[in-house]
C-alpha atoms as a PDB file:
ATOM      1  CA  UNK A   1      90.624  95.239 103.269  1.00  0.00           C
ATOM      2  CA  UNK A   2      93.540  97.985 103.522  1.00  0.00           C
ATOM      3  CA  UNK A   3      97.183  97.107 102.478  1.00  0.00           C
ATOM      4  CA  UNK A   4      99.571  95.738 105.312  1.00  0.00           C
ATOM      5  CA  UNK A   5     102.351  98.158 106.032  1.00  0.00           C
ATOM      6  CA  UNK A   6     105.368  96.088 105.773  1.00  0.00           C
ATOM      7  CA  UNK A   7     107.537  95.745 109.160  1.00  0.00           C
ATOM      8  CA  UNK A   8     110.907  94.024 109.755  1.00  0.00           C
ATOM      9  CA  UNK A   9     109.347  90.593 110.866  1.00  0.00           C
ATOM     10  CA  UNK A  10     111.794  90.024 113.900  1.00  0.00           C
ATOM     11  CA  UNK A  11     111.424  85.970 115.013  1.00  0.00           C
ATOM     12  CA  UNK A  12     109.846  84.912 117.909  1.00  0.00           C
ATOM     13  CA  UNK A  13     108.118  88.506 118.206  1.00  0.00           C
ATOM     14  CA  UNK A  14     104.667  88.089 117.869  1.00  0.00           C
ATOM     15  CA  UNK A  15     102.860  90.684 115.757  1.00  0.00           C
ATOM     16  CA  UNK A  16      99.349  91.483 115.288  1.00  0.00           C
ATOM     17  CA  UNK A  17      97.871  91.891 111.797  1.00  0.00           C
ATOM     18  CA  UNK A  18      94.766  94.139 110.850  1.00  0.00           C
ATOM     19  CA  UNK A  19      91.994  92.212 109.419  1.00  0.00           C
ATOM     20  CA  UNK A  20      89.119  94.479 108.156  1.00  0.00           C
ATOM     21  CA  UNK A  21      88.826  95.589 111.556  1.00  0.00           C
ATOM     22  CA  UNK A  22      89.997  92.408 113.618  1.00  0.00           C
ATOM     23  CA  UNK A  23      93.588  91.319 114.121  1.00  0.00           C
ATOM     24  CA  UNK A  24      95.108  88.387 113.736  1.00  0.00           C
ATOM     25  CA  UNK A  25      97.757  87.444 116.137  1.00  0.00           C
ATOM     26  CA  UNK A  26     100.734  85.182 114.607  1.00  0.00           C
ATOM     27  CA  UNK A  27     104.566  84.574 115.625  1.00  0.00           C
ATOM     28  CA  UNK A  28     107.316  83.994 112.796  1.00  0.00           C
ATOM     29  CA  UNK A  29     110.233  81.156 114.835  1.00  0.00           C
ATOM     30  CA  UNK A  30     112.645  81.220 111.699  1.00  0.00           C
ATOM     31  CA  UNK A  31     111.042  78.315 109.478  1.00  0.00           C
ATOM     32  CA  UNK A  32     107.194  78.293 110.841  1.00  0.00           C
ATOM     33  CA  UNK A  33     104.570  81.003 110.978  1.00  0.00           C
ATOM     34  CA  UNK A  34     101.839  80.116 113.874  1.00  0.00           C
ATOM     35  CA  UNK A  35      98.393  82.270 113.625  1.00  0.00           C
ATOM     36  CA  UNK A  36      96.893  82.167 117.172  1.00  0.00           C
ATOM     37  CA  UNK A  37      93.286  79.977 116.752  1.00  0.00           C
ATOM     38  CA  UNK A  38      91.146  81.262 119.739  1.00  0.00           C
ATOM     39  CA  UNK A  39      91.469  85.076 118.474  1.00  0.00           C
ATOM     40  CA  UNK A  40      90.553  84.046 115.387  1.00  0.00           C
ATOM     41  CA  UNK A  41      87.508  81.808 116.366  1.00  0.00           C
ATOM     42  CA  UNK A  42      86.567  84.980 118.414  1.00  0.00           C
ATOM     43  CA  UNK A  43      86.277  86.926 115.872  1.00  0.00           C
ATOM     44  CA  UNK A  44      84.116  85.213 114.041  1.00  0.00           C
ATOM     45  CA  UNK A  45      81.854  85.787 117.267  1.00  0.00           C
ATOM     46  CA  UNK A  46      81.707  81.761 117.533  1.00  0.00           C
ATOM     47  CA  UNK A  47      81.655  79.574 120.608  1.00  0.00           C
ATOM     48  CA  UNK A  48      85.565  78.298 121.240  1.00  0.00           C
ATOM     49  CA  UNK A  49      84.642  75.391 123.137  1.00  0.00           C
ATOM     50  CA  UNK A  50      83.071  73.490 120.307  1.00  0.00           C
ATOM     51  CA  UNK A  51      85.837  74.544 117.309  1.00  0.00           C
ATOM     52  CA  UNK A  52      88.513  73.622 119.687  1.00  0.00           C
ATOM     53  CA  UNK A  53      87.076  70.062 119.954  1.00  0.00           C
ATOM     54  CA  UNK A  54      86.905  69.529 116.262  1.00  0.00           C
ATOM     55  CA  UNK A  55      90.562  70.481 115.995  1.00  0.00           C
ATOM     56  CA  UNK A  56      91.342  67.848 118.464  1.00  0.00           C
ATOM     57  CA  UNK A  57      88.928  64.694 116.988  1.00  0.00           C
ATOM     58  CA  UNK A  58      90.413  66.053 112.807  1.00  0.00           C
ATOM     59  CA  UNK A  59      93.008  63.841 112.387  1.00  0.00           C
ATOM     60  CA  UNK A  60      95.608  66.299 110.466  1.00  0.00           C
ATOM     61  CA  UNK A  61      94.969  69.518 112.807  1.00  0.00           C
ATOM     62  CA  UNK A  62      95.408  67.521 116.377  1.00  0.00           C
ATOM     63  CA  UNK A  63      99.011  66.569 114.911  1.00  0.00           C
ATOM     64  CA  UNK A  64      99.780  70.217 113.646  1.00  0.00           C
ATOM     65  CA  UNK A  65      97.913  72.475 116.800  1.00  0.00           C
ATOM     66  CA  UNK A  66     100.812  73.390 119.287  1.00  0.00           C
ATOM     67  CA  UNK A  67     101.245  75.880 122.006  1.00  0.00           C
ATOM     68  CA  UNK A  68     103.448  79.365 121.537  1.00  0.00           C
ATOM     69  CA  UNK A  69     103.738  82.631 123.235  1.00  0.00           C
ATOM     70  CA  UNK A  70     101.230  84.939 121.988  1.00  0.00           C
ATOM     71  CA  UNK A  71     100.367  88.398 122.514  1.00  0.00           C
ATOM     72  CA  UNK A  72      96.714  88.620 124.336  1.00  0.00           C
ATOM     73  CA  UNK A  73      93.922  91.347 123.865  1.00  0.00           C
ATOM     74  CA  UNK A  74      94.933  93.015 127.258  1.00  0.00           C
ATOM     75  CA  UNK A  75      98.438  93.449 125.797  1.00  0.00           C
ATOM     76  CA  UNK A  76     100.242  90.463 127.482  1.00  0.00           C
ATOM     77  CA  UNK A  77     102.047  87.701 126.224  1.00  0.00           C
ATOM     78  CA  UNK A  78     100.271  84.116 127.159  1.00  0.00           C
ATOM     79  CA  UNK A  79     100.497  80.599 125.929  1.00  0.00           C
ATOM     80  CA  UNK A  80      98.175  79.954 123.385  1.00  0.00           C
ATOM     81  CA  UNK A  81      97.148  77.348 120.776  1.00  0.00           C
ATOM     82  CA  UNK A  82      98.353  78.002 117.384  1.00  0.00           C
ATOM     83  CA  UNK A  83      98.623  75.881 113.872  1.00  0.00           C
ATOM     84  CA  UNK A  84     101.045  77.033 110.982  1.00  0.00           C
ATOM     85  CA  UNK A  85     100.302  79.056 108.870  1.00  0.00           C
ATOM     86  CA  UNK A  86      99.237  76.572 105.553  1.00  0.00           C
ATOM     87  CA  UNK A  87      96.545  74.812 107.912  1.00  0.00           C
ATOM     88  CA  UNK A  88      94.417  77.750 108.750  1.00  0.00           C
ATOM     89  CA  UNK A  89      92.202  77.029 105.944  1.00  0.00           C
ATOM     90  CA  UNK A  90      91.544  73.768 107.526  1.00  0.00           C
ATOM     91  CA  UNK A  91      90.216  75.481 110.616  1.00  0.00           C
ATOM     92  CA  UNK A  92      87.914  77.693 108.388  1.00  0.00           C
ATOM     93  CA  UNK A  93      86.944  75.728 106.113  1.00  0.00           C
ATOM     94  CA  UNK A  94      85.704  73.170 108.794  1.00  0.00           C
ATOM     95  CA  UNK A  95      83.268  76.028 109.881  1.00  0.00           C
ATOM     96  CA  UNK A  96      79.812  75.840 107.569  1.00  0.00           C
ATOM     97  CA  UNK A  97      78.257  78.706 107.018  1.00  0.00           C
ATOM     98  CA  UNK A  98      75.084  77.561 105.903  1.00  0.00           C
ATOM     99  CA  UNK A  99      74.836  76.196 109.824  1.00  0.00           C
ATOM    100  CA  UNK A 100      75.219  79.803 111.103  1.00  0.00           C
ATOM    101  CA  UNK A 101      71.553  81.740 111.544  1.00  0.00           C
ATOM    102  CA  UNK A 102      73.194  84.896 112.131  1.00  0.00           C
ATOM    103  CA  UNK A 103      73.770  86.440 108.835  1.00  0.00           C
ATOM    104  CA  UNK A 104      76.208  88.940 109.566  1.00  0.00           C
ATOM    105  CA  UNK A 105      78.501  86.397 111.336  1.00  0.00           C
ATOM    106  CA  UNK A 106      77.863  84.145 108.303  1.00  0.00           C
ATOM    107  CA  UNK A 107      79.120  86.994 105.886  1.00  0.00           C
ATOM    108  CA  UNK A 108      81.945  87.086 108.447  1.00  0.00           C
ATOM    109  CA  UNK A 109      82.511  83.410 107.980  1.00  0.00           C
ATOM    110  CA  UNK A 110      82.994  83.468 104.728  1.00  0.00           C
ATOM    111  CA  UNK A 111      85.120  86.193 103.741  1.00  0.00           C
ATOM    112  CA  UNK A 112      87.796  84.620 106.296  1.00  0.00           C
ATOM    113  CA  UNK A 113      87.456  81.434 104.559  1.00  0.00           C
ATOM    114  CA  UNK A 114      88.179  83.565 101.268  1.00  0.00           C
ATOM    115  CA  UNK A 115      90.821  86.025 102.717  1.00  0.00           C
ATOM    116  CA  UNK A 116      92.559  85.128 106.051  1.00  0.00           C
ATOM    117  CA  UNK A 117      95.407  82.681 104.493  1.00  0.00           C
ATOM    118  CA  UNK A 118      95.950  85.397 102.115  1.00  0.00           C
ATOM    119  CA  UNK A 119      96.210  88.266 104.700  1.00  0.00           C
ATOM    120  CA  UNK A 120      98.562  86.159 106.553  1.00  0.00           C
ATOM    121  CA  UNK A 121     100.358  85.386 103.595  1.00  0.00           C
ATOM    122  CA  UNK A 122     101.077  88.442 101.939  1.00  0.00           C
ATOM    123  CA  UNK A 123     102.548  89.960 105.433  1.00  0.00           C
ATOM    124  CA  UNK A 124     104.724  87.063 106.350  1.00  0.00           C
ATOM    125  CA  UNK A 125     105.673  85.015 102.934  1.00  0.00           C
ATOM    126  CA  UNK A 126     104.923  87.104  99.663  1.00  0.00           C
ATOM    127  CA  UNK A 127     107.145  89.870 100.552  1.00  0.00           C
ATOM    128  CA  UNK A 128     110.124  87.865 101.727  1.00  0.00           C
ATOM    129  CA  UNK A 129     109.968  86.156  98.753  1.00  0.00           C
ATOM    130  CA  UNK A 130     109.878  89.521  96.381  1.00  0.00           C
ATOM    131  CA  UNK A 131     112.523  91.173  99.109  1.00  0.00           C
ATOM    132  CA  UNK A 132     114.909  87.448  97.817  1.00  0.00           C
ATOM    133  CA  UNK A 133     114.276  87.322  94.491  1.00  0.00           C
ATOM    134  CA  UNK A 134     114.850  91.021  94.030  1.00  0.00           C
ATOM    135  CA  UNK A 135     118.397  90.556  95.762  1.00  0.00           C
ATOM    136  CA  UNK A 136     119.054  87.433  93.913  1.00  0.00           C
ATOM    137  CA  UNK A 137     117.993  89.618  90.429  1.00  0.00           C
ATOM    138  CA  UNK A 138     120.675  92.113  91.918  1.00  0.00           C
ATOM    139  CA  UNK A 139     123.164  89.384  92.408  1.00  0.00           C
ATOM    140  CA  UNK A 140     122.585  88.380  88.880  1.00  0.00           C
ATOM    141  CA  UNK A 141     123.169  91.739  87.257  1.00  0.00           C
ATOM    142  CA  UNK A 142     126.120  92.252  89.550  1.00  0.00           C
ATOM    143  CA  UNK A 143     127.552  88.776  88.181  1.00  0.00           C
ATOM    144  CA  UNK A 144     127.043  89.803  84.713  1.00  0.00           C
ATOM    145  CA  UNK A 145     128.388  93.436  85.430  1.00  0.00           C
ATOM    146  CA  UNK A 146     131.982  92.067  86.828  1.00  0.00           C
ATOM    147  CA  UNK A 147     132.022  89.356  83.492  1.00  0.00           C
ATOM    148  CA  UNK A 148     131.567  92.269  81.333  1.00  0.00           C
ATOM    149  CA  UNK A 149     134.572  94.290  83.191  1.00  0.00           C
ATOM    150  CA  UNK A 150     136.775  91.633  83.317  1.00  0.00           C
ATOM    151  CA  UNK A 151     135.987  90.899  79.222  1.00  0.00           C
ATOM    152  CA  UNK A 152     136.851  94.077  78.466  1.00  0.00           C
ATOM    153  CA  UNK A 153     139.857  94.046  80.334  1.00  0.00           C
ATOM    154  CA  UNK A 154     141.197  91.624  78.506  1.00  0.00           C
ATOM    155  CA  UNK A 155     139.808  93.234  75.157  1.00  0.00           C
ATOM    156  CA  UNK A 156     141.777  96.449  76.510  1.00  0.00           C
ATOM    157  CA  UNK A 157     145.043  94.281  76.742  1.00  0.00           C
ATOM    158  CA  UNK A 158     144.922  92.905  73.449  1.00  0.00           C
ATOM    159  CA  UNK A 159     144.048  96.112  72.121  1.00  0.00           C
ATOM    160  CA  UNK A 160     147.056  97.575  73.580  1.00  0.00           C
ATOM    161  CA  UNK A 161     149.584  95.036  72.772  1.00  0.00           C
ATOM    162  CA  UNK A 162     148.543  95.055  69.180  1.00  0.00           C
ATOM    163  CA  UNK A 163     148.613  98.699  68.953  1.00  0.00           C
ATOM    164  CA  UNK A 164     152.614  98.477  70.099  1.00  0.00           C
ATOM    165  CA  UNK A 165     153.260  96.207  67.788  1.00  0.00           C
ATOM    166  CA  UNK A 166     152.020  98.579  65.149  1.00  0.00           C
ATOM    167  CA  UNK A 167     154.286 101.382  67.016  1.00  0.00           C
ATOM    168  CA  UNK A 168     157.268  98.943  66.655  1.00  0.00           C
ATOM    169  CA  UNK A 169     156.484  97.413  62.921  1.00  0.00           C
ATOM    170  CA  UNK A 170     156.445 100.658  60.874  1.00  0.00           C
ATOM    171  CA  UNK A 171     157.548 104.208  60.802  1.00  0.00           C
ATOM    172  CA  UNK A 172     154.772 105.350  58.147  1.00  0.00           C
ATOM    173  CA  UNK A 173     153.099 108.021  60.307  1.00  0.00           C
ATOM    174  CA  UNK A 174     149.804 107.559  58.167  1.00  0.00           C
ATOM    175  CA  UNK A 175     149.980 103.732  57.968  1.00  0.00           C
ATOM    176  CA  UNK A 176     150.702 103.901  61.633  1.00  0.00           C
ATOM    177  CA  UNK A 177     147.574 105.677  62.192  1.00  0.00           C
ATOM    178  CA  UNK A 178     145.022 103.804  60.055  1.00  0.00           C
ATOM    179  CA  UNK A 179     146.418 100.234  61.583  1.00  0.00           C
ATOM    180  CA  UNK A 180     145.887 101.788  64.924  1.00  0.00           C
ATOM    181  CA  UNK A 181     142.021 102.786  64.103  1.00  0.00           C
ATOM    182  CA  UNK A 182     141.205  99.341  62.934  1.00  0.00           C
ATOM    183  CA  UNK A 183     142.950  97.374  65.989  1.00  0.00           C
ATOM    184  CA  UNK A 184     140.436 100.477  68.191  1.00  0.00           C
ATOM    185  CA  UNK A 185     137.237  99.829  66.396  1.00  0.00           C
ATOM    186  CA  UNK A 186     137.524  96.250  66.252  1.00  0.00           C
ATOM    187  CA  UNK A 187     137.716  95.997  69.870  1.00  0.00           C
ATOM    188  CA  UNK A 188     134.263  97.930  70.114  1.00  0.00           C
ATOM    189  CA  UNK A 189     136.314 101.886  70.281  1.00  0.00           C
ATOM    190  CA  UNK A 190     134.556 102.691  67.601  1.00  0.00           C
ATOM    191  CA  UNK A 191     134.112 106.022  70.107  1.00  0.00           C
ATOM    192  CA  UNK A 192     137.576 106.513  70.748  1.00  0.00           C
ATOM    193  CA  UNK A 193     138.389 106.812  67.207  1.00  0.00           C
ATOM    194  CA  UNK A 194     135.125 109.082  66.186  1.00  0.00           C
ATOM    195  CA  UNK A 195     136.654 111.631  69.473  1.00  0.00           C
ATOM    196  CA  UNK A 196     140.082 111.239  68.025  1.00  0.00           C
ATOM    197  CA  UNK A 197     138.942 111.970  64.219  1.00  0.00           C
ATOM    198  CA  UNK A 198     136.682 114.906  65.413  1.00  0.00           C
ATOM    199  CA  UNK A 199     139.941 116.277  67.243  1.00  0.00           C
ATOM    200  CA  UNK A 200     141.977 116.183  64.387  1.00  0.00           C
ATOM    201  CA  UNK A 201     139.629 117.641  61.959  1.00  0.00           C
ATOM    202  CA  UNK A 202     138.936 120.901  64.497  1.00  0.00           C
ATOM    203  CA  UNK A 203     142.883 121.103  64.814  1.00  0.00           C
ATOM    204  CA  UNK A 204     143.022 121.396  61.036  1.00  0.00           C
ATOM    205  CA  UNK A 205     140.401 123.842  60.987  1.00  0.00           C
ATOM    206  CA  UNK A 206     142.151 126.119  63.368  1.00  0.00           C
ATOM    207  CA  UNK A 207     145.298 125.918  61.452  1.00  0.00           C
ATOM    208  CA  UNK A 208     143.512 127.831  58.328  1.00  0.00           C
ATOM    209  CA  UNK A 209     141.759 130.280  60.391  1.00  0.00           C
END
């Protein structure tokens, strides 16, 4: 089965999903993915009336099936009987492959039982969950970054206050320089101290030469 091309899913807009050369027809109403039942039965090469009767006789499926506006084979929108996505396997597993004499149809029914739900789930649900998860992770990352920036900002304020206190406390340039460097190191600004030391060494070398 080809990997489904991800497209924007519009609420209330019927879509057709390719599945081994067939098309699964469904619509998302904002809460539930509704899958057209008759096209699936026709794709399998089975008679619609017996399967429709099975649905109406089933105590669960008969309570969940409903009519939705769906795109038919001719491209026109029509009312079709649909089941929620989570009940599609209930429909498919009511079909007994062992009772189907045609080997090609039997093989196709088994394929649908194995992969039809997965194909629909991947198209409508899985990618949506992945996008939500990615956004949630991004939001968490932003929150952590903002927290880090805020903490760094507070650290800078504290460091600035201490350095100002050092400047006021001593007029000795050597002691003042030493204490300032220690304050910067304590607050995680080793790189600033390192750059200052390198710059100082370069200035001394220029004086010598």
